[in-house]
Amino acid sequence: MSILTRHSEKKLAAYQRELLDTHYREVDNMYRKMRGWRHDYRSHIQTMKAFAAEGDLEAIARYLDRLDEDLQTVDTVIKTGNAMTDAILNSKISLAKSRGITVQADAHIPVKLRISEIDLCVILGNLFDNAIEASMALPEDQRLIRVYMDMKGTQLYIHFTNFTASKKLAKLNGRFASTKGAGHGFGLLRIDSIIEECGGYLSRNSEDGAFTTEILLPQ
């Protein structure tokens, strides 16, 4: 093994550790918010009872509006049937929405997956991170990420689409280059490596300002 190869593998390993740490913090933050909201539930009820005792319906309405807005930031919107997938998708959707990005997601995983949860976390986390980064270059009303996951026969199908500021992204040596500049792009390489290792299929396409990734993972 050459020094260059060892160096690249070390950088990829360090990138994966950093990525997983980031995903863990995002997921942990989301569930901390959920636990906090549930902990405060009794206090919210007591507050609204006090308003009701005073006959202050306007105060109750305002309070409910604030609670509804707060709950939307922690609501678990995706239930795929796979706990790890739920955690990473919901944390990333919450992150995207906090940055003014609309997310349309439809995901179902009715079977136990052969791919490891860590590898699936790396794939989904990278797809979302890249889509969020690309979306931030657009006006807020044009930011949109579409996610679709389901079984196609015996394979898990993953489809990600996001819109970009460029009509067509350029390729370098047959690969789409990272928009982060030189020294980056490990996320794309890690996705490629995982899919190759499990004998899956990967396709990326950039047309008319939309970047699409399609993945098939055998089970």
C-alpha atoms as a PDB file:
ATOM      1  CA  MET A   1       0.000   0.000   0.000  1.00  0.00           C
ATOM      2  CA  SER A   2       1.474   3.352  -1.037  1.00  0.00           C
ATOM      3  CA  ILE A   3       1.937   6.315   1.302  1.00  0.00           C
ATOM      4  CA  LEU A   4      -0.589   8.270  -0.775  1.00  0.00           C
ATOM      5  CA  THR A   5      -3.203   5.504  -0.420  1.00  0.00           C
ATOM      6  CA  ARG A   6      -2.673   5.283   3.340  1.00  0.00           C
ATOM      7  CA  HIS A   7      -2.952   9.050   3.614  1.00  0.00           C
ATOM      8  CA  SER A   8      -6.228   9.060   1.650  1.00  0.00           C
ATOM      9  CA  GLU A   9      -7.659   6.256   3.793  1.00  0.00           C
ATOM     10  CA  LYS A  10      -6.743   8.119   6.990  1.00  0.00           C
ATOM     11  CA  LYS A  11      -8.447  11.269   5.697  1.00  0.00           C
ATOM     12  CA  LEU A  12     -11.556   9.287   4.750  1.00  0.00           C
ATOM     13  CA  ALA A  13     -11.642   7.615   8.173  1.00  0.00           C
ATOM     14  CA  ALA A  14     -11.264  10.968   9.926  1.00  0.00           C
ATOM     15  CA  TYR A  15     -14.016  12.431   7.765  1.00  0.00           C
ATOM     16  CA  GLN A  16     -16.363   9.554   8.614  1.00  0.00           C
ATOM     17  CA  ARG A  17     -15.718   9.969  12.357  1.00  0.00           C
ATOM     18  CA  GLU A  18     -16.420  13.696  12.095  1.00  0.00           C
ATOM     19  CA  LEU A  19     -19.576  13.052  10.077  1.00  0.00           C
ATOM     20  CA  LEU A  20     -20.924  10.513  12.549  1.00  0.00           C
ATOM     21  CA  ASP A  21     -20.157  12.847  15.458  1.00  0.00           C
ATOM     22  CA  THR A  22     -22.096  15.618  13.693  1.00  0.00           C
ATOM     23  CA  HIS A  23     -25.059  13.332  12.985  1.00  0.00           C
ATOM     24  CA  TYR A  24     -25.064  12.148  16.596  1.00  0.00           C
ATOM     25  CA  ARG A  25     -25.161  15.727  17.905  1.00  0.00           C
ATOM     26  CA  GLU A  26     -28.008  16.638  15.532  1.00  0.00           C
ATOM     27  CA  VAL A  27     -30.074  13.576  16.476  1.00  0.00           C
ATOM     28  CA  ASP A  28     -29.334  14.030  20.186  1.00  0.00           C
ATOM     29  CA  ASN A  29     -30.354  17.692  19.989  1.00  0.00           C
ATOM     30  CA  MET A  30     -33.662  16.805  18.318  1.00  0.00           C
ATOM     31  CA  TYR A  31     -34.546  14.214  20.965  1.00  0.00           C
ATOM     32  CA  ARG A  32     -33.463  16.536  23.781  1.00  0.00           C
ATOM     33  CA  LYS A  33     -35.997  19.055  22.443  1.00  0.00           C
ATOM     34  CA  MET A  34     -38.667  16.352  22.325  1.00  0.00           C
ATOM     35  CA  ARG A  35     -37.940  15.236  25.896  1.00  0.00           C
ATOM     36  CA  GLY A  36     -37.928  18.846  27.052  1.00  0.00           C
ATOM     37  CA  TRP A  37     -41.310  19.547  25.456  1.00  0.00           C
ATOM     38  CA  ARG A  38     -42.825  16.447  27.057  1.00  0.00           C
ATOM     39  CA  HIS A  39     -41.338  17.427  30.431  1.00  0.00           C
ATOM     40  CA  ASP A  40     -43.010  20.847  30.188  1.00  0.00           C
ATOM     41  CA  TYR A  41     -46.367  19.382  29.110  1.00  0.00           C
ATOM     42  CA  ARG A  42     -47.895  19.588  32.621  1.00  0.00           C
ATOM     43  CA  SER A  43     -46.818  23.216  32.980  1.00  0.00           C
ATOM     44  CA  HIS A  44     -48.424  24.068  29.642  1.00  0.00           C
ATOM     45  CA  ILE A  45     -51.696  22.470  30.762  1.00  0.00           C
ATOM     46  CA  GLN A  46     -51.655  24.369  34.067  1.00  0.00           C
ATOM     47  CA  THR A  47     -51.019  27.653  32.268  1.00  0.00           C
ATOM     48  CA  MET A  48     -53.967  27.158  29.919  1.00  0.00           C
ATOM     49  CA  LYS A  49     -56.186  26.128  32.848  1.00  0.00           C
ATOM     50  CA  ALA A  50     -55.331  29.417  34.523  1.00  0.00           C
ATOM     51  CA  PHE A  51     -56.266  31.355  31.385  1.00  0.00           C
ATOM     52  CA  ALA A  52     -59.502  29.345  31.117  1.00  0.00           C
ATOM     53  CA  ALA A  53     -60.396  30.098  34.752  1.00  0.00           C
ATOM     54  CA  GLU A  54     -60.087  33.803  33.935  1.00  0.00           C
ATOM     55  CA  GLY A  55     -62.145  33.376  30.776  1.00  0.00           C
ATOM     56  CA  ASP A  56     -59.272  34.723  28.687  1.00  0.00           C
ATOM     57  CA  LEU A  57     -59.821  32.849  25.415  1.00  0.00           C
ATOM     58  CA  GLU A  58     -57.515  35.163  23.463  1.00  0.00           C
ATOM     59  CA  ALA A  59     -54.626  34.322  25.802  1.00  0.00           C
ATOM     60  CA  ILE A  60     -55.323  30.600  25.336  1.00  0.00           C
ATOM     61  CA  ALA A  61     -55.338  31.012  21.559  1.00  0.00           C
ATOM     62  CA  ARG A  62     -52.022  32.908  21.605  1.00  0.00           C
ATOM     63  CA  TYR A  63     -50.474  30.307  23.896  1.00  0.00           C
ATOM     64  CA  LEU A  64     -51.638  27.452  21.672  1.00  0.00           C
ATOM     65  CA  ASP A  65     -50.166  29.204  18.634  1.00  0.00           C
ATOM     66  CA  ARG A  66     -46.793  29.453  20.377  1.00  0.00           C
ATOM     67  CA  LEU A  67     -46.930  25.799  21.426  1.00  0.00           C
ATOM     68  CA  ASP A  68     -47.833  24.728  17.909  1.00  0.00           C
ATOM     69  CA  GLU A  69     -44.897  26.669  16.472  1.00  0.00           C
ATOM     70  CA  ASP A  70     -42.550  25.167  19.056  1.00  0.00           C
ATOM     71  CA  LEU A  71     -43.824  21.629  18.483  1.00  0.00           C
ATOM     72  CA  GLN A  72     -43.238  21.893  14.740  1.00  0.00           C
ATOM     73  CA  THR A  73     -39.494  22.204  15.404  1.00  0.00           C
ATOM     74  CA  VAL A  74     -39.363  18.808  17.152  1.00  0.00           C
ATOM     75  CA  ASP A  75     -42.172  16.862  15.506  1.00  0.00           C
ATOM     76  CA  THR A  76     -41.148  13.450  14.157  1.00  0.00           C
ATOM     77  CA  VAL A  77     -42.421  13.729  10.613  1.00  0.00           C
ATOM     78  CA  ILE A  78     -40.950  10.555   9.142  1.00  0.00           C
ATOM     79  CA  LYS A  79     -41.641   7.030  10.372  1.00  0.00           C
ATOM     80  CA  THR A  80     -39.990   4.593   7.965  1.00  0.00           C
ATOM     81  CA  GLY A  81     -40.061   1.477  10.112  1.00  0.00           C
ATOM     82  CA  ASN A  82     -36.289   1.653  10.706  1.00  0.00           C
ATOM     83  CA  ALA A  83     -35.199   3.464  13.892  1.00  0.00           C
ATOM     84  CA  MET A  84     -31.804   4.687  12.661  1.00  0.00           C
ATOM     85  CA  THR A  85     -33.262   5.945   9.400  1.00  0.00           C
ATOM     86  CA  ASP A  86     -36.022   7.770  11.298  1.00  0.00           C
ATOM     87  CA  ALA A  87     -33.452   9.438  13.537  1.00  0.00           C
ATOM     88  CA  ILE A  88     -31.156  10.671  10.772  1.00  0.00           C
ATOM     89  CA  LEU A  89     -33.946  11.715   8.396  1.00  0.00           C
ATOM     90  CA  ASN A  90     -35.887  13.639  11.036  1.00  0.00           C
ATOM     91  CA  SER A  91     -32.800  15.396  12.379  1.00  0.00           C
ATOM     92  CA  LYS A  92     -31.734  16.446   8.869  1.00  0.00           C
ATOM     93  CA  ILE A  93     -35.265  17.537   7.921  1.00  0.00           C
ATOM     94  CA  SER A  94     -35.368  19.655  11.079  1.00  0.00           C
ATOM     95  CA  LEU A  95     -31.973  21.160  10.187  1.00  0.00           C
ATOM     96  CA  ALA A  96     -33.093  21.895   6.609  1.00  0.00           C
ATOM     97  CA  LYS A  97     -36.313  23.566   7.735  1.00  0.00           C
ATOM     98  CA  SER A  98     -34.390  25.747  10.194  1.00  0.00           C
ATOM     99  CA  ARG A  99     -32.481  27.055   7.158  1.00  0.00           C
ATOM    100  CA  GLY A 100     -35.577  27.856   5.140  1.00  0.00           C
ATOM    101  CA  ILE A 101     -35.472  24.724   2.979  1.00  0.00           C
ATOM    102  CA  THR A 102     -38.679  22.885   2.110  1.00  0.00           C
ATOM    103  CA  VAL A 103     -38.370  19.101   2.367  1.00  0.00           C
ATOM    104  CA  GLN A 104     -40.779  16.672   0.702  1.00  0.00           C
ATOM    105  CA  ALA A 105     -40.107  13.196   2.071  1.00  0.00           C
ATOM    106  CA  ASP A 106     -41.747   9.814   1.532  1.00  0.00           C
ATOM    107  CA  ALA A 107     -39.785   6.949   3.066  1.00  0.00           C
ATOM    108  CA  HIS A 108     -40.701   3.358   3.902  1.00  0.00           C
ATOM    109  CA  ILE A 109     -38.435   0.506   5.020  1.00  0.00           C
ATOM    110  CA  PRO A 110     -40.666  -2.487   5.822  1.00  0.00           C
ATOM    111  CA  VAL A 111     -37.829  -5.027   6.103  1.00  0.00           C
ATOM    112  CA  LYS A 112     -34.668  -5.491   8.142  1.00  0.00           C
ATOM    113  CA  LEU A 113     -31.763  -4.056   6.171  1.00  0.00           C
ATOM    114  CA  ARG A 114     -28.565  -5.920   5.412  1.00  0.00           C
ATOM    115  CA  ILE A 115     -26.520  -2.724   5.233  1.00  0.00           C
ATOM    116  CA  SER A 116     -25.136  -1.621   8.591  1.00  0.00           C
ATOM    117  CA  GLU A 117     -26.832   1.265  10.373  1.00  0.00           C
ATOM    118  CA  ILE A 118     -23.559   3.210  10.389  1.00  0.00           C
ATOM    119  CA  ASP A 119     -23.167   2.880   6.617  1.00  0.00           C
ATOM    120  CA  LEU A 120     -26.792   3.890   6.043  1.00  0.00           C
ATOM    121  CA  CYS A 121     -26.265   6.861   8.348  1.00  0.00           C
ATOM    122  CA  VAL A 122     -23.213   7.920   6.315  1.00  0.00           C
ATOM    123  CA  ILE A 123     -25.110   7.648   3.019  1.00  0.00           C
ATOM    124  CA  LEU A 124     -28.224   9.535   4.124  1.00  0.00           C
ATOM    125  CA  GLY A 125     -26.274  12.098   6.140  1.00  0.00           C
ATOM    126  CA  ASN A 126     -24.009  12.942   3.226  1.00  0.00           C
ATOM    127  CA  LEU A 127     -26.876  13.149   0.749  1.00  0.00           C
ATOM    128  CA  PHE A 128     -28.723  15.557   3.018  1.00  0.00           C
ATOM    129  CA  ASP A 129     -25.653  17.642   3.876  1.00  0.00           C
ATOM    130  CA  ASN A 130     -24.805  18.094   0.190  1.00  0.00           C
ATOM    131  CA  ALA A 131     -28.409  18.942  -0.667  1.00  0.00           C
ATOM    132  CA  ILE A 132     -28.660  21.477   2.175  1.00  0.00           C
ATOM    133  CA  GLU A 133     -25.392  23.133   1.184  1.00  0.00           C
ATOM    134  CA  ALA A 134     -26.444  23.427  -2.472  1.00  0.00           C
ATOM    135  CA  SER A 135     -29.872  24.766  -1.486  1.00  0.00           C
ATOM    136  CA  MET A 136     -28.379  27.600   0.563  1.00  0.00           C
ATOM    137  CA  ALA A 137     -27.054  29.200  -2.629  1.00  0.00           C
ATOM    138  CA  LEU A 138     -30.658  29.719  -3.807  1.00  0.00           C
ATOM    139  CA  PRO A 139     -33.307  32.259  -2.754  1.00  0.00           C
ATOM    140  CA  GLU A 140     -35.395  30.826   0.075  1.00  0.00           C
ATOM    141  CA  ASP A 141     -38.506  30.375  -2.079  1.00  0.00           C
ATOM    142  CA  GLN A 142     -36.525  28.111  -4.440  1.00  0.00           C
ATOM    143  CA  ARG A 143     -35.000  25.825  -1.805  1.00  0.00           C
ATOM    144  CA  LEU A 144     -36.434  22.331  -2.092  1.00  0.00           C
ATOM    145  CA  ILE A 145     -35.225  18.817  -1.281  1.00  0.00           C
ATOM    146  CA  ARG A 146     -37.179  15.723  -2.304  1.00  0.00           C
ATOM    147  CA  VAL A 147     -36.516  12.362  -0.659  1.00  0.00           C
ATOM    148  CA  TYR A 148     -38.018   9.014  -1.590  1.00  0.00           C
ATOM    149  CA  MET A 149     -37.124   5.629  -0.087  1.00  0.00           C
ATOM    150  CA  ASP A 150     -38.858   2.279  -0.523  1.00  0.00           C
ATOM    151  CA  MET A 151     -38.251  -1.323  -1.461  1.00  0.00           C
ATOM    152  CA  LYS A 152     -38.043  -2.255  -5.136  1.00  0.00           C
ATOM    153  CA  GLY A 153     -38.280  -6.007  -5.085  1.00  0.00           C
ATOM    154  CA  THR A 154     -35.434  -7.136  -2.851  1.00  0.00           C
ATOM    155  CA  GLN A 155     -33.532  -3.839  -3.057  1.00  0.00           C
ATOM    156  CA  LEU A 156     -33.787  -0.599  -1.077  1.00  0.00           C
ATOM    157  CA  TYR A 157     -34.289   2.326  -3.455  1.00  0.00           C
ATOM    158  CA  ILE A 158     -33.132   5.801  -2.393  1.00  0.00           C
ATOM    159  CA  HIS A 159     -33.878   8.886  -4.501  1.00  0.00           C
ATOM    160  CA  PHE A 160     -32.656  12.373  -3.581  1.00  0.00           C
ATOM    161  CA  THR A 161     -33.296  15.547  -5.581  1.00  0.00           C
ATOM    162  CA  ASN A 162     -32.271  19.103  -4.762  1.00  0.00           C
ATOM    163  CA  PHE A 163     -32.056  22.275  -6.794  1.00  0.00           C
ATOM    164  CA  THR A 164     -28.816  24.118  -7.468  1.00  0.00           C
ATOM    165  CA  ALA A 165     -27.729  27.600  -8.520  1.00  0.00           C
ATOM    166  CA  SER A 166     -26.057  26.101 -11.616  1.00  0.00           C
ATOM    167  CA  LYS A 167     -28.145  24.713 -14.459  1.00  0.00           C
ATOM    168  CA  LYS A 168     -25.692  21.845 -14.926  1.00  0.00           C
ATOM    169  CA  LEU A 169     -22.891  20.917 -12.520  1.00  0.00           C
ATOM    170  CA  ALA A 170     -19.493  20.134 -13.987  1.00  0.00           C
ATOM    171  CA  LYS A 171     -17.676  16.808 -13.720  1.00  0.00           C
ATOM    172  CA  LEU A 172     -13.998  16.271 -12.988  1.00  0.00           C
ATOM    173  CA  ASN A 173     -12.469  12.979 -14.204  1.00  0.00           C
ATOM    174  CA  GLY A 174     -15.958  11.568 -14.645  1.00  0.00           C
ATOM    175  CA  ARG A 175     -17.157  12.572 -11.173  1.00  0.00           C
ATOM    176  CA  PHE A 176     -19.170  15.514  -9.921  1.00  0.00           C
ATOM    177  CA  ALA A 177     -16.760  17.732  -8.008  1.00  0.00           C
ATOM    178  CA  SER A 178     -17.543  18.978  -4.510  1.00  0.00           C
ATOM    179  CA  THR A 179     -18.869  22.537  -4.381  1.00  0.00           C
ATOM    180  CA  LYS A 180     -16.738  23.060  -1.251  1.00  0.00           C
ATOM    181  CA  GLY A 181     -13.560  23.308  -3.303  1.00  0.00           C
ATOM    182  CA  ALA A 182     -10.236  21.498  -3.264  1.00  0.00           C
ATOM    183  CA  GLY A 183      -9.599  19.094  -0.397  1.00  0.00           C
ATOM    184  CA  HIS A 184     -13.264  18.215   0.046  1.00  0.00           C
ATOM    185  CA  GLY A 185     -15.581  15.677  -1.538  1.00  0.00           C
ATOM    186  CA  PHE A 186     -14.915  12.864   0.941  1.00  0.00           C
ATOM    187  CA  GLY A 187     -18.663  12.479   1.475  1.00  0.00           C
ATOM    188  CA  LEU A 188     -19.193  11.544  -2.165  1.00  0.00           C
ATOM    189  CA  LEU A 189     -16.234   9.169  -2.070  1.00  0.00           C
ATOM    190  CA  ARG A 190     -17.523   7.519   1.103  1.00  0.00           C
ATOM    191  CA  ILE A 191     -20.967   6.976  -0.452  1.00  0.00           C
ATOM    192  CA  ASP A 192     -19.314   5.473  -3.548  1.00  0.00           C
ATOM    193  CA  SER A 193     -17.184   3.166  -1.406  1.00  0.00           C
ATOM    194  CA  ILE A 194     -20.084   1.869   0.704  1.00  0.00           C
ATOM    195  CA  ILE A 195     -22.298   1.188  -2.310  1.00  0.00           C
ATOM    196  CA  GLU A 196     -19.464  -0.581  -4.137  1.00  0.00           C
ATOM    197  CA  GLU A 197     -18.721  -2.733  -1.083  1.00  0.00           C
ATOM    198  CA  CYS A 198     -22.324  -3.939  -0.793  1.00  0.00           C
ATOM    199  CA  GLY A 199     -22.746  -4.498  -4.536  1.00  0.00           C
ATOM    200  CA  GLY A 200     -25.264  -1.699  -4.978  1.00  0.00           C
ATOM    201  CA  TYR A 201     -26.054   0.729  -7.779  1.00  0.00           C
ATOM    202  CA  LEU A 202     -25.451   4.494  -7.851  1.00  0.00           C
ATOM    203  CA  SER A 203     -26.395   7.160 -10.394  1.00  0.00           C
ATOM    204  CA  ARG A 204     -25.939  10.932 -10.165  1.00  0.00           C
ATOM    205  CA  ASN A 205     -27.357  13.406 -12.658  1.00  0.00           C
ATOM    206  CA  SER A 206     -27.393  17.187 -13.019  1.00  0.00           C
ATOM    207  CA  GLU A 207     -29.905  18.737 -15.435  1.00  0.00           C
ATOM    208  CA  ASP A 208     -31.935  21.950 -15.569  1.00  0.00           C
ATOM    209  CA  GLY A 209     -30.796  23.144 -12.143  1.00  0.00           C
ATOM    210  CA  ALA A 210     -31.705  19.879 -10.382  1.00  0.00           C
ATOM    211  CA  PHE A 211     -29.206  17.423  -8.913  1.00  0.00           C
ATOM    212  CA  THR A 212     -30.476  13.854  -8.554  1.00  0.00           C
ATOM    213  CA  THR A 213     -28.960  10.830  -6.826  1.00  0.00           C
ATOM    214  CA  GLU A 214     -30.412   7.329  -7.220  1.00  0.00           C
ATOM    215  CA  ILE A 215     -29.203   4.385  -5.168  1.00  0.00           C
ATOM    216  CA  LEU A 216     -30.146   0.700  -5.050  1.00  0.00           C
ATOM    217  CA  LEU A 217     -28.957  -1.392  -2.093  1.00  0.00           C
ATOM    218  CA  PRO A 218     -29.398  -5.189  -2.314  1.00  0.00           C
ATOM    219  CA  GLN A 219     -30.921  -6.989   0.664  1.00  0.00           C
END
